[in-house]
Amino acid sequence: MGGLQSTVVIILVALFGLLALIVFRKPMKFILRLALSTLLGFAALFLINFLGGLIGISIAVNWINAAVVGILGLPGIALLLLIKWLTLL
């Protein structure tokens, strides 16, 4: 490609990228918040397993549990403990 053609291609790609950022801004914001909440849920599950080991409480650390804890917070932890307790009966 010549110099002018490659410049036009670069400009078109940049415009397409800018348009994609504008169109997908809200969904990307939601996805990033969900990912951050899930990572915080992982941290909470590790902390619960570390401290809960002293009194015999443990919750499996996986993506689903981390998402539940990340989205629901403290009620999510209570929900997972309740589900675990009910399955042991």
N, C-alpha and C. Protein backbone atom coordinates (compact mmCIF):
# COMPACT_ATOMS: atom_id res chain seq x y z
N MET A 1 0.84 -1.18 0.00
CA MET A 1 0.00 0.00 0.00
C MET A 1 0.88 1.24 0.00
N GLY A 2 0.34 2.26 -0.60
CA GLY A 2 1.06 3.52 -0.64
C GLY A 2 0.86 4.28 0.66
N GLY A 3 1.54 5.40 0.77
CA GLY A 3 1.48 6.21 1.98
C GLY A 3 0.08 6.74 2.25
N LEU A 4 -0.63 7.19 1.19
CA LEU A 4 -1.97 7.75 1.37
C LEU A 4 -2.97 6.67 1.75
N GLN A 5 -2.86 5.50 1.14
CA GLN A 5 -3.79 4.41 1.44
C GLN A 5 -3.64 3.92 2.89
N SER A 6 -2.42 3.79 3.34
CA SER A 6 -2.22 3.33 4.71
C SER A 6 -2.71 4.38 5.71
N THR A 7 -2.58 5.65 5.38
CA THR A 7 -3.08 6.71 6.25
C THR A 7 -4.60 6.66 6.33
N VAL A 8 -5.26 6.43 5.22
CA VAL A 8 -6.72 6.33 5.19
C VAL A 8 -7.18 5.14 6.00
N VAL A 9 -6.50 4.01 5.89
CA VAL A 9 -6.85 2.81 6.64
C VAL A 9 -6.69 3.07 8.14
N ILE A 10 -5.61 3.71 8.53
CA ILE A 10 -5.39 4.01 9.95
C ILE A 10 -6.48 4.95 10.48
N ILE A 11 -6.85 5.94 9.71
CA ILE A 11 -7.91 6.87 10.13
C ILE A 11 -9.24 6.14 10.26
N LEU A 12 -9.57 5.26 9.31
CA LEU A 12 -10.82 4.51 9.37
C LEU A 12 -10.86 3.56 10.58
N VAL A 13 -9.75 2.91 10.86
CA VAL A 13 -9.69 2.02 12.02
C VAL A 13 -9.84 2.82 13.31
N ALA A 14 -9.21 3.99 13.39
CA ALA A 14 -9.34 4.83 14.57
C ALA A 14 -10.78 5.31 14.74
N LEU A 15 -11.43 5.71 13.67
CA LEU A 15 -12.83 6.14 13.75
C LEU A 15 -13.75 5.00 14.16
N PHE A 16 -13.49 3.80 13.63
CA PHE A 16 -14.29 2.64 14.01
C PHE A 16 -14.10 2.31 15.49
N GLY A 17 -12.86 2.40 15.98
CA GLY A 17 -12.59 2.16 17.39
C GLY A 17 -13.27 3.19 18.28
N LEU A 18 -13.26 4.46 17.87
CA LEU A 18 -13.93 5.51 18.62
C LEU A 18 -15.43 5.28 18.64
N LEU A 19 -16.00 4.90 17.51
CA LEU A 19 -17.43 4.60 17.44
C LEU A 19 -17.78 3.41 18.34
N ALA A 20 -16.94 2.39 18.35
CA ALA A 20 -17.19 1.22 19.21
C ALA A 20 -17.15 1.61 20.68
N LEU A 21 -16.22 2.49 21.06
CA LEU A 21 -16.16 2.94 22.45
C LEU A 21 -17.41 3.71 22.84
N ILE A 22 -17.92 4.52 21.94
CA ILE A 22 -19.13 5.30 22.23
C ILE A 22 -20.34 4.40 22.35
N VAL A 23 -20.49 3.45 21.43
CA VAL A 23 -21.66 2.58 21.41
C VAL A 23 -21.66 1.61 22.59
N PHE A 24 -20.50 1.04 22.92
CA PHE A 24 -20.42 0.00 23.94
C PHE A 24 -19.96 0.51 25.30
N ARG A 25 -20.08 1.81 25.55
CA ARG A 25 -19.61 2.38 26.81
C ARG A 25 -20.38 1.84 28.01
N LYS A 26 -21.71 1.86 27.95
CA LYS A 26 -22.50 1.39 29.10
C LYS A 26 -22.36 -0.11 29.33
N PRO A 27 -22.44 -0.95 28.29
CA PRO A 27 -22.24 -2.39 28.55
C PRO A 27 -20.83 -2.69 29.10
N MET A 28 -19.82 -1.99 28.60
CA MET A 28 -18.47 -2.22 29.09
C MET A 28 -18.33 -1.78 30.55
N LYS A 29 -19.01 -0.69 30.91
CA LYS A 29 -18.98 -0.23 32.29
C LYS A 29 -19.59 -1.29 33.21
N PHE A 30 -20.71 -1.88 32.77
CA PHE A 30 -21.36 -2.93 33.55
C PHE A 30 -20.47 -4.15 33.68
N ILE A 31 -19.83 -4.55 32.59
CA ILE A 31 -18.97 -5.73 32.60
C ILE A 31 -17.75 -5.49 33.49
N LEU A 32 -17.17 -4.30 33.45
CA LEU A 32 -16.02 -4.01 34.29
C LEU A 32 -16.41 -3.97 35.77
N ARG A 33 -17.58 -3.42 36.08
CA ARG A 33 -18.05 -3.43 37.47
C ARG A 33 -18.29 -4.85 37.96
N LEU A 34 -18.88 -5.68 37.11
CA LEU A 34 -19.13 -7.07 37.47
C LEU A 34 -17.81 -7.81 37.70
N ALA A 35 -16.82 -7.56 36.85
CA ALA A 35 -15.51 -8.20 37.01
C ALA A 35 -14.84 -7.75 38.30
N LEU A 36 -14.93 -6.45 38.61
CA LEU A 36 -14.34 -5.96 39.84
C LEU A 36 -15.05 -6.54 41.06
N SER A 37 -16.37 -6.62 41.02
CA SER A 37 -17.11 -7.21 42.13
C SER A 37 -16.74 -8.68 42.32
N THR A 38 -16.56 -9.39 41.22
CA THR A 38 -16.18 -10.80 41.30
C THR A 38 -14.79 -10.96 41.92
N LEU A 39 -13.86 -10.09 41.53
CA LEU A 39 -12.52 -10.16 42.12
C LEU A 39 -12.57 -9.85 43.62
N LEU A 40 -13.39 -8.89 44.02
CA LEU A 40 -13.54 -8.61 45.44
C LEU A 40 -14.22 -9.78 46.15
N GLY A 41 -15.13 -10.46 45.45
CA GLY A 41 -15.75 -11.67 46.01
C GLY A 41 -14.73 -12.77 46.24
N PHE A 42 -13.78 -12.94 45.31
CA PHE A 42 -12.70 -13.90 45.50
C PHE A 42 -11.90 -13.57 46.75
N ALA A 43 -11.56 -12.29 46.89
CA ALA A 43 -10.78 -11.88 48.06
C ALA A 43 -11.56 -12.17 49.34
N ALA A 44 -12.86 -11.89 49.33
CA ALA A 44 -13.68 -12.15 50.52
C ALA A 44 -13.75 -13.64 50.82
N LEU A 45 -13.88 -14.47 49.79
CA LEU A 45 -13.94 -15.92 50.02
C LEU A 45 -12.63 -16.44 50.58
N PHE A 46 -11.51 -15.95 50.08
CA PHE A 46 -10.22 -16.37 50.62
C PHE A 46 -10.09 -15.95 52.08
N LEU A 47 -10.53 -14.74 52.39
CA LEU A 47 -10.47 -14.26 53.76
C LEU A 47 -11.37 -15.09 54.67
N ILE A 48 -12.58 -15.41 54.19
CA ILE A 48 -13.50 -16.24 54.97
C ILE A 48 -12.91 -17.62 55.22
N ASN A 49 -12.31 -18.21 54.20
CA ASN A 49 -11.71 -19.54 54.36
C ASN A 49 -10.50 -19.50 55.29
N PHE A 50 -9.74 -18.40 55.23
CA PHE A 50 -8.57 -18.28 56.10
C PHE A 50 -8.99 -18.12 57.56
N LEU A 51 -9.91 -17.19 57.80
CA LEU A 51 -10.36 -16.95 59.18
C LEU A 51 -11.36 -17.99 59.64
N GLY A 52 -12.18 -18.49 58.72
CA GLY A 52 -13.17 -19.50 59.09
C GLY A 52 -12.57 -20.84 59.41
N GLY A 53 -11.35 -21.08 58.98
CA GLY A 53 -10.67 -22.33 59.30
C GLY A 53 -10.46 -22.48 60.80
N LEU A 54 -10.41 -21.37 61.50
CA LEU A 54 -10.23 -21.42 62.95
C LEU A 54 -11.46 -21.96 63.66
N ILE A 55 -12.66 -21.73 63.06
CA ILE A 55 -13.90 -22.20 63.69
C ILE A 55 -14.63 -23.26 62.87
N GLY A 56 -14.02 -23.69 61.77
CA GLY A 56 -14.60 -24.77 61.00
C GLY A 56 -15.56 -24.35 59.89
N ILE A 57 -15.47 -23.11 59.42
CA ILE A 57 -16.33 -22.64 58.33
C ILE A 57 -15.48 -22.56 57.06
N SER A 58 -16.01 -23.09 55.98
CA SER A 58 -15.32 -22.96 54.70
C SER A 58 -16.37 -22.89 53.58
N ILE A 59 -16.05 -22.11 52.58
CA ILE A 59 -16.90 -21.98 51.40
C ILE A 59 -15.99 -22.22 50.20
N ALA A 60 -16.46 -22.99 49.23
CA ALA A 60 -15.66 -23.27 48.04
C ALA A 60 -15.36 -21.97 47.30
N VAL A 61 -14.13 -21.85 46.82
CA VAL A 61 -13.71 -20.67 46.07
C VAL A 61 -13.80 -21.01 44.59
N ASN A 62 -14.81 -20.47 43.92
CA ASN A 62 -14.96 -20.64 42.48
C ASN A 62 -15.63 -19.38 41.92
N TRP A 63 -15.76 -19.32 40.58
CA TRP A 63 -16.28 -18.11 39.94
C TRP A 63 -17.71 -17.81 40.34
N ILE A 64 -18.53 -18.82 40.46
CA ILE A 64 -19.93 -18.59 40.78
C ILE A 64 -20.07 -18.05 42.20
N ASN A 65 -19.41 -18.66 43.15
CA ASN A 65 -19.47 -18.17 44.53
C ASN A 65 -18.88 -16.76 44.63
N ALA A 66 -17.80 -16.52 43.91
CA ALA A 66 -17.18 -15.19 43.95
C ALA A 66 -18.13 -14.14 43.37
N ALA A 67 -18.84 -14.48 42.30
CA ALA A 67 -19.80 -13.54 41.71
C ALA A 67 -20.96 -13.29 42.67
N VAL A 68 -21.43 -14.33 43.33
CA VAL A 68 -22.53 -14.18 44.29
C VAL A 68 -22.10 -13.26 45.43
N VAL A 69 -20.92 -13.50 45.98
CA VAL A 69 -20.43 -12.68 47.08
C VAL A 69 -20.13 -11.26 46.60
N GLY A 70 -19.57 -11.13 45.40
CA GLY A 70 -19.24 -9.82 44.87
C GLY A 70 -20.47 -8.98 44.60
N ILE A 71 -21.52 -9.59 44.10
CA ILE A 71 -22.73 -8.85 43.76
C ILE A 71 -23.59 -8.60 44.99
N LEU A 72 -23.79 -9.62 45.81
CA LEU A 72 -24.69 -9.49 46.95
C LEU A 72 -24.01 -9.00 48.23
N GLY A 73 -22.71 -9.18 48.31
CA GLY A 73 -22.00 -8.74 49.51
C GLY A 73 -22.22 -9.67 50.68
N LEU A 74 -22.45 -9.10 51.86
CA LEU A 74 -22.64 -9.88 53.08
C LEU A 74 -23.84 -10.83 52.99
N PRO A 75 -24.99 -10.41 52.40
CA PRO A 75 -26.07 -11.39 52.23
C PRO A 75 -25.68 -12.56 51.32
N GLY A 76 -24.76 -12.33 50.38
CA GLY A 76 -24.28 -13.41 49.53
C GLY A 76 -23.49 -14.44 50.32
N ILE A 77 -22.69 -13.96 51.26
CA ILE A 77 -21.95 -14.88 52.13
C ILE A 77 -22.92 -15.69 52.97
N ALA A 78 -23.92 -15.01 53.54
CA ALA A 78 -24.92 -15.71 54.35
C ALA A 78 -25.68 -16.73 53.50
N LEU A 79 -26.00 -16.38 52.27
CA LEU A 79 -26.71 -17.29 51.38
C LEU A 79 -25.87 -18.54 51.10
N LEU A 80 -24.60 -18.36 50.80
CA LEU A 80 -23.74 -19.51 50.52
C LEU A 80 -23.57 -20.39 51.75
N LEU A 81 -23.43 -19.78 52.92
CA LEU A 81 -23.34 -20.57 54.15
C LEU A 81 -24.63 -21.32 54.43
N LEU A 82 -25.77 -20.69 54.17
CA LEU A 82 -27.06 -21.35 54.36
C LEU A 82 -27.23 -22.52 53.39
N ILE A 83 -26.86 -22.32 52.15
CA ILE A 83 -26.96 -23.41 51.16
C ILE A 83 -26.05 -24.57 51.57
N LYS A 84 -24.84 -24.26 52.01
CA LYS A 84 -23.92 -25.32 52.44
C LYS A 84 -24.50 -26.06 53.66
N TRP A 85 -25.05 -25.32 54.61
CA TRP A 85 -25.62 -25.92 55.80
C TRP A 85 -26.82 -26.82 55.44
N LEU A 86 -27.67 -26.35 54.50
CA LEU A 86 -28.84 -27.15 54.11
C LEU A 86 -28.45 -28.41 53.35
N THR A 87 -27.36 -28.37 52.60
CA THR A 87 -26.94 -29.57 51.87
C THR A 87 -26.30 -30.60 52.80
N LEU A 88 -25.83 -30.14 53.97
CA LEU A 88 -25.23 -31.08 54.92
C LEU A 88 -26.27 -31.82 55.74
N LEU A 89 -27.50 -31.30 55.78
CA LEU A 89 -28.54 -31.95 56.59
C LEU A 89 -29.05 -33.21 55.96
